[in-house]
Amino acid sequence: MVRGVRRGCVRLKGAMIGIDDEDNLTFTVTVDGKTFHFQARTRADRELWIRALEDTIQKQLYGYRVNQIQVNNDAVVPTLESFDKKLGEADAYLQLLIEQTKNLEVKMNSMCEEDKAHCECIISETNKLMDQVKHSIVMLQIAKNTAFPVNGSYRTTSVSTDYDFPSLEGDSGSIEYGAECEERPRRDSQPMDN
């Protein structure tokens, strides 16, 4: 290869930038045990390239630019009690929304047809919102109970879906039993299990 010719590309994920103190124009990028040498036109260009490459590497690793993060050391660390309090507040707001929807349904009976149609639309959308909020609250409670189990134990092994779960009394059959996922290392020579 001829010196100074543009060629190929360099993967930046996990790369290290090297700066030579003796030469103001050159820098290196080392990745996967290979070192790539670069030369800028001016010292200022070299600094621009280095900063841009470092920012790109940080974005690849962490999803953000390191020099743009503002750390608030005075921030309060969330606790389980504050989480429970916020979860209770969300549930209280949900109850208020349910009551207001019921009140609107009662008032809707005395409205004219045009206003009734608008209210039905509002109630329909509100019911969708309430379902989403209920689902979110339940999912947050499940996440909390998973992270902080009540009995102090949490199964980390995979649960087989081949197990025949006993039928619950009054079970309509629409319940789907879930299983925890366990990540296994992939081997390129073996087909993936579905």
C-alpha atoms as a PDB file:
ATOM      1  CA  MET A   1       0.000   0.000   0.000  1.00  0.00           C
ATOM      2  CA  VAL A   2       1.138   3.493  -0.761  1.00  0.00           C
ATOM      3  CA  ARG A   3       1.712   5.855   2.137  1.00  0.00           C
ATOM      4  CA  GLY A   4      -0.938   8.600   2.444  1.00  0.00           C
ATOM      5  CA  VAL A   5      -3.613   6.783   0.469  1.00  0.00           C
ATOM      6  CA  ARG A   6      -7.134   6.625   1.922  1.00  0.00           C
ATOM      7  CA  ARG A   7      -8.150   3.062   2.573  1.00  0.00           C
ATOM      8  CA  GLY A   8     -10.623   1.025   4.611  1.00  0.00           C
ATOM      9  CA  CYS A   9     -12.433   1.892   7.793  1.00  0.00           C
ATOM     10  CA  VAL A  10     -11.740   1.616  11.514  1.00  0.00           C
ATOM     11  CA  ARG A  11     -14.196   0.192  14.034  1.00  0.00           C
ATOM     12  CA  LEU A  12     -14.409   2.639  16.944  1.00  0.00           C
ATOM     13  CA  LYS A  13     -16.299   0.505  19.457  1.00  0.00           C
ATOM     14  CA  GLY A  14     -13.768  -0.262  22.191  1.00  0.00           C
ATOM     15  CA  ALA A  15     -11.028   1.727  20.446  1.00  0.00           C
ATOM     16  CA  MET A  16      -8.255   3.642  22.209  1.00  0.00           C
ATOM     17  CA  ILE A  17      -6.911   6.972  20.947  1.00  0.00           C
ATOM     18  CA  GLY A  18      -3.156   7.507  21.185  1.00  0.00           C
ATOM     19  CA  ILE A  19      -1.373  10.860  21.016  1.00  0.00           C
ATOM     20  CA  ASP A  20       2.315  11.279  20.246  1.00  0.00           C
ATOM     21  CA  ASP A  21       3.836  14.144  22.249  1.00  0.00           C
ATOM     22  CA  GLU A  22       6.789  14.470  19.865  1.00  0.00           C
ATOM     23  CA  ASP A  23       4.677  14.916  16.736  1.00  0.00           C
ATOM     24  CA  ASN A  24       1.927  17.553  16.742  1.00  0.00           C
ATOM     25  CA  LEU A  25       0.097  16.149  13.710  1.00  0.00           C
ATOM     26  CA  THR A  26      -0.193  12.379  14.200  1.00  0.00           C
ATOM     27  CA  PHE A  27      -2.379  10.218  16.395  1.00  0.00           C
ATOM     28  CA  THR A  28      -3.272   6.537  16.542  1.00  0.00           C
ATOM     29  CA  VAL A  29      -6.425   4.498  16.970  1.00  0.00           C
ATOM     30  CA  THR A  30      -5.909   1.040  18.480  1.00  0.00           C
ATOM     31  CA  VAL A  31      -8.685  -1.539  18.298  1.00  0.00           C
ATOM     32  CA  ASP A  32      -8.699  -5.343  18.234  1.00  0.00           C
ATOM     33  CA  GLY A  33      -4.920  -5.416  18.678  1.00  0.00           C
ATOM     34  CA  LYS A  34      -4.333  -3.357  15.532  1.00  0.00           C
ATOM     35  CA  THR A  35      -2.955   0.176  15.495  1.00  0.00           C
ATOM     36  CA  PHE A  36      -4.001   2.626  12.811  1.00  0.00           C
ATOM     37  CA  HIS A  37      -1.875   5.742  12.276  1.00  0.00           C
ATOM     38  CA  PHE A  38      -3.470   9.029  11.242  1.00  0.00           C
ATOM     39  CA  GLN A  39      -2.019  12.409  10.352  1.00  0.00           C
ATOM     40  CA  ALA A  40      -3.907  15.690  10.478  1.00  0.00           C
ATOM     41  CA  ARG A  41      -3.020  18.793   8.493  1.00  0.00           C
ATOM     42  CA  THR A  42      -2.615  21.050  11.524  1.00  0.00           C
ATOM     43  CA  ARG A  43      -2.398  20.671  15.289  1.00  0.00           C
ATOM     44  CA  ALA A  44      -5.887  22.206  15.616  1.00  0.00           C
ATOM     45  CA  ASP A  45      -7.249  19.658  13.116  1.00  0.00           C
ATOM     46  CA  ARG A  46      -5.662  16.871  15.136  1.00  0.00           C
ATOM     47  CA  GLU A  47      -7.383  18.107  18.299  1.00  0.00           C
ATOM     48  CA  LEU A  48     -10.729  18.310  16.486  1.00  0.00           C
ATOM     49  CA  TRP A  49     -10.331  14.763  15.156  1.00  0.00           C
ATOM     50  CA  ILE A  50      -9.305  13.417  18.560  1.00  0.00           C
ATOM     51  CA  ARG A  51     -12.247  15.074  20.364  1.00  0.00           C
ATOM     52  CA  ALA A  52     -14.715  13.893  17.716  1.00  0.00           C
ATOM     53  CA  LEU A  53     -13.368  10.332  17.831  1.00  0.00           C
ATOM     54  CA  GLU A  54     -13.393  10.269  21.649  1.00  0.00           C
ATOM     55  CA  ASP A  55     -16.996  11.524  21.686  1.00  0.00           C
ATOM     56  CA  THR A  56     -18.002   8.858  19.171  1.00  0.00           C
ATOM     57  CA  ILE A  57     -16.297   6.123  21.202  1.00  0.00           C
ATOM     58  CA  GLN A  58     -18.064   7.314  24.365  1.00  0.00           C
ATOM     59  CA  LYS A  59     -21.414   7.354  22.562  1.00  0.00           C
ATOM     60  CA  GLN A  60     -20.794   3.776  21.431  1.00  0.00           C
ATOM     61  CA  LEU A  61     -19.906   2.637  24.957  1.00  0.00           C
ATOM     62  CA  TYR A  62     -22.338   4.622  27.089  1.00  0.00           C
ATOM     63  CA  GLY A  63     -24.905   6.153  24.749  1.00  0.00           C
ATOM     64  CA  TYR A  64     -23.982   9.742  25.620  1.00  0.00           C
ATOM     65  CA  ARG A  65     -21.190  12.265  25.464  1.00  0.00           C
ATOM     66  CA  VAL A  66     -19.182  12.210  28.667  1.00  0.00           C
ATOM     67  CA  ASN A  67     -18.352  15.917  28.670  1.00  0.00           C
ATOM     68  CA  GLN A  68     -22.048  16.870  28.415  1.00  0.00           C
ATOM     69  CA  ILE A  69     -23.168  15.078  31.569  1.00  0.00           C
ATOM     70  CA  GLN A  70     -23.963  17.255  34.543  1.00  0.00           C
ATOM     71  CA  VAL A  71     -23.734  15.298  37.757  1.00  0.00           C
ATOM     72  CA  ASN A  72     -25.853  16.499  40.648  1.00  0.00           C
ATOM     73  CA  ASN A  73     -24.111  15.210  43.752  1.00  0.00           C
ATOM     74  CA  ASP A  74     -26.860  16.657  45.967  1.00  0.00           C
ATOM     75  CA  ALA A  75     -29.531  14.481  44.347  1.00  0.00           C
ATOM     76  CA  VAL A  76     -31.529  12.308  46.708  1.00  0.00           C
ATOM     77  CA  VAL A  77     -30.971   8.592  46.226  1.00  0.00           C
ATOM     78  CA  PRO A  78     -34.334   6.882  45.734  1.00  0.00           C
ATOM     79  CA  THR A  79     -35.343   4.373  48.393  1.00  0.00           C
ATOM     80  CA  LEU A  80     -37.861   1.561  48.515  1.00  0.00           C
ATOM     81  CA  GLU A  81     -40.045   3.694  50.779  1.00  0.00           C
ATOM     82  CA  SER A  82     -40.082   6.582  48.286  1.00  0.00           C
ATOM     83  CA  PHE A  83     -40.900   4.113  45.504  1.00  0.00           C
ATOM     84  CA  ASP A  84     -43.818   2.746  47.530  1.00  0.00           C
ATOM     85  CA  LYS A  85     -44.981   6.310  48.230  1.00  0.00           C
ATOM     86  CA  LYS A  86     -44.921   7.213  44.523  1.00  0.00           C
ATOM     87  CA  LEU A  87     -46.689   3.972  43.669  1.00  0.00           C
ATOM     88  CA  GLY A  88     -49.380   4.812  46.240  1.00  0.00           C
ATOM     89  CA  GLU A  89     -49.750   8.301  44.752  1.00  0.00           C
ATOM     90  CA  ALA A  90     -50.183   6.810  41.279  1.00  0.00           C
ATOM     91  CA  ASP A  91     -52.856   4.477  42.633  1.00  0.00           C
ATOM     92  CA  ALA A  92     -54.624   7.395  44.366  1.00  0.00           C
ATOM     93  CA  TYR A  93     -54.643   9.401  41.113  1.00  0.00           C
ATOM     94  CA  LEU A  94     -56.024   6.354  39.328  1.00  0.00           C
ATOM     95  CA  GLN A  95     -58.853   6.129  41.877  1.00  0.00           C
ATOM     96  CA  LEU A  96     -59.629   9.838  41.347  1.00  0.00           C
ATOM     97  CA  LEU A  97     -59.742   9.284  37.603  1.00  0.00           C
ATOM     98  CA  ILE A  98     -62.094   6.317  38.039  1.00  0.00           C
ATOM     99  CA  GLU A  99     -64.437   8.378  40.252  1.00  0.00           C
ATOM    100  CA  GLN A 100     -64.448  11.316  37.828  1.00  0.00           C
ATOM    101  CA  THR A 101     -65.201   8.985  34.928  1.00  0.00           C
ATOM    102  CA  LYS A 102     -68.144   7.499  36.836  1.00  0.00           C
ATOM    103  CA  ASN A 103     -69.417  11.018  37.612  1.00  0.00           C
ATOM    104  CA  LEU A 104     -69.160  11.926  33.936  1.00  0.00           C
ATOM    105  CA  GLU A 105     -71.127   8.798  32.992  1.00  0.00           C
ATOM    106  CA  VAL A 106     -73.908   9.812  35.426  1.00  0.00           C
ATOM    107  CA  LYS A 107     -74.022  13.390  34.075  1.00  0.00           C
ATOM    108  CA  MET A 108     -73.987  12.076  30.515  1.00  0.00           C
ATOM    109  CA  ASN A 109     -77.540  10.717  30.929  1.00  0.00           C
ATOM    110  CA  SER A 110     -78.979  14.242  31.156  1.00  0.00           C
ATOM    111  CA  MET A 111     -77.084  15.650  28.144  1.00  0.00           C
ATOM    112  CA  CYS A 112     -78.257  16.221  24.591  1.00  0.00           C
ATOM    113  CA  GLU A 113     -77.232  13.719  21.901  1.00  0.00           C
ATOM    114  CA  GLU A 114     -74.335  15.819  20.545  1.00  0.00           C
ATOM    115  CA  ASP A 115     -72.790  16.324  23.997  1.00  0.00           C
ATOM    116  CA  LYS A 116     -73.453  12.677  24.817  1.00  0.00           C
ATOM    117  CA  ALA A 117     -71.446  11.608  21.746  1.00  0.00           C
ATOM    118  CA  HIS A 118     -68.509  13.799  22.849  1.00  0.00           C
ATOM    119  CA  CYS A 119     -68.674  12.369  26.364  1.00  0.00           C
ATOM    120  CA  GLU A 120     -68.757   8.807  25.051  1.00  0.00           C
ATOM    121  CA  CYS A 121     -65.586   9.523  23.091  1.00  0.00           C
ATOM    122  CA  ILE A 122     -63.931  11.044  26.174  1.00  0.00           C
ATOM    123  CA  ILE A 123     -65.005   8.129  28.366  1.00  0.00           C
ATOM    124  CA  SER A 124     -63.745   5.620  25.808  1.00  0.00           C
ATOM    125  CA  GLU A 125     -60.310   7.261  25.686  1.00  0.00           C
ATOM    126  CA  THR A 126     -60.264   7.649  29.477  1.00  0.00           C
ATOM    127  CA  ASN A 127     -60.991   3.943  29.902  1.00  0.00           C
ATOM    128  CA  LYS A 128     -58.047   3.147  27.622  1.00  0.00           C
ATOM    129  CA  LEU A 129     -55.858   5.463  29.703  1.00  0.00           C
ATOM    130  CA  MET A 130     -57.028   3.854  32.948  1.00  0.00           C
ATOM    131  CA  ASP A 131     -56.242   0.387  31.591  1.00  0.00           C
ATOM    132  CA  GLN A 132     -52.720   1.525  30.730  1.00  0.00           C
ATOM    133  CA  VAL A 133     -52.220   3.127  34.147  1.00  0.00           C
ATOM    134  CA  LYS A 134     -53.509  -0.009  35.898  1.00  0.00           C
ATOM    135  CA  HIS A 135     -51.160  -2.133  33.818  1.00  0.00           C
ATOM    136  CA  SER A 136     -48.232   0.175  34.619  1.00  0.00           C
ATOM    137  CA  ILE A 137     -48.932   0.059  38.353  1.00  0.00           C
ATOM    138  CA  VAL A 138     -49.122  -3.735  38.288  1.00  0.00           C
ATOM    139  CA  MET A 139     -45.885  -3.977  36.295  1.00  0.00           C
ATOM    140  CA  LEU A 140     -44.116  -1.643  38.734  1.00  0.00           C
ATOM    141  CA  GLN A 141     -45.330  -3.762  41.646  1.00  0.00           C
ATOM    142  CA  ILE A 142     -44.075  -6.906  39.919  1.00  0.00           C
ATOM    143  CA  ALA A 143     -40.710  -5.255  39.272  1.00  0.00           C
ATOM    144  CA  LYS A 144     -40.475  -4.189  42.921  1.00  0.00           C
ATOM    145  CA  ASN A 145     -41.381  -7.663  44.160  1.00  0.00           C
ATOM    146  CA  THR A 146     -38.840  -9.185  41.791  1.00  0.00           C
ATOM    147  CA  ALA A 147     -36.069  -6.850  42.920  1.00  0.00           C
ATOM    148  CA  PHE A 148     -37.045  -7.042  46.601  1.00  0.00           C
ATOM    149  CA  PRO A 149     -38.827 -10.362  47.183  1.00  0.00           C
ATOM    150  CA  VAL A 150     -41.067 -10.554  50.233  1.00  0.00           C
ATOM    151  CA  ASN A 151     -39.776 -13.920  51.439  1.00  0.00           C
ATOM    152  CA  GLY A 152     -36.149 -13.061  50.658  1.00  0.00           C
ATOM    153  CA  SER A 153     -35.707 -15.621  47.908  1.00  0.00           C
ATOM    154  CA  TYR A 154     -35.882 -15.237  44.186  1.00  0.00           C
ATOM    155  CA  ARG A 155     -35.485 -18.021  41.662  1.00  0.00           C
ATOM    156  CA  THR A 156     -32.847 -17.151  39.075  1.00  0.00           C
ATOM    157  CA  THR A 157     -33.023 -20.389  37.119  1.00  0.00           C
ATOM    158  CA  SER A 158     -35.185 -20.821  34.095  1.00  0.00           C
ATOM    159  CA  VAL A 159     -38.688 -22.220  34.592  1.00  0.00           C
ATOM    160  CA  SER A 160     -39.619 -24.903  32.096  1.00  0.00           C
ATOM    161  CA  THR A 161     -42.718 -24.120  30.044  1.00  0.00           C
ATOM    162  CA  ASP A 162     -43.323 -27.866  29.577  1.00  0.00           C
ATOM    163  CA  TYR A 163     -44.659 -28.120  33.124  1.00  0.00           C
ATOM    164  CA  ASP A 164     -48.397 -28.788  33.316  1.00  0.00           C
ATOM    165  CA  PHE A 165     -49.663 -26.037  35.616  1.00  0.00           C
ATOM    166  CA  PRO A 166     -52.690 -26.961  37.718  1.00  0.00           C
ATOM    167  CA  SER A 167     -55.923 -25.357  36.624  1.00  0.00           C
ATOM    168  CA  LEU A 168     -57.249 -22.721  38.979  1.00  0.00           C
ATOM    169  CA  GLU A 169     -60.874 -22.798  40.009  1.00  0.00           C
ATOM    170  CA  GLY A 170     -62.781 -20.381  37.785  1.00  0.00           C
ATOM    171  CA  ASP A 171     -59.907 -20.247  35.287  1.00  0.00           C
ATOM    172  CA  SER A 172     -61.259 -19.303  31.889  1.00  0.00           C
ATOM    173  CA  GLY A 173     -58.194 -20.701  30.134  1.00  0.00           C
ATOM    174  CA  SER A 174     -57.140 -17.264  28.930  1.00  0.00           C
ATOM    175  CA  ILE A 175     -54.294 -16.994  31.426  1.00  0.00           C
ATOM    176  CA  GLU A 176     -50.851 -17.417  29.951  1.00  0.00           C
ATOM    177  CA  TYR A 177     -48.195 -18.595  32.351  1.00  0.00           C
ATOM    178  CA  GLY A 178     -44.863 -16.843  31.986  1.00  0.00           C
ATOM    179  CA  ALA A 179     -41.370 -18.125  32.495  1.00  0.00           C
ATOM    180  CA  GLU A 180     -38.206 -16.302  33.377  1.00  0.00           C
ATOM    181  CA  CYS A 181     -35.656 -15.933  30.638  1.00  0.00           C
ATOM    182  CA  GLU A 182     -32.093 -17.042  31.133  1.00  0.00           C
ATOM    183  CA  GLU A 183     -29.509 -15.830  28.694  1.00  0.00           C
ATOM    184  CA  ARG A 184     -27.271 -18.566  27.369  1.00  0.00           C
ATOM    185  CA  PRO A 185     -24.033 -18.012  25.473  1.00  0.00           C
ATOM    186  CA  ARG A 186     -24.510 -18.400  21.734  1.00  0.00           C
ATOM    187  CA  ARG A 187     -22.404 -20.766  19.750  1.00  0.00           C
ATOM    188  CA  ASP A 188     -22.149 -19.999  16.072  1.00  0.00           C
ATOM    189  CA  SER A 189     -21.860 -23.689  15.174  1.00  0.00           C
ATOM    190  CA  GLN A 190     -25.186 -24.653  16.773  1.00  0.00           C
ATOM    191  CA  PRO A 191     -28.640 -23.550  15.592  1.00  0.00           C
ATOM    192  CA  MET A 192     -30.584 -21.255  17.886  1.00  0.00           C
ATOM    193  CA  ASP A 193     -33.387 -22.788  19.975  1.00  0.00           C
ATOM    194  CA  ASN A 194     -36.823 -21.274  19.414  1.00  0.00           C
END
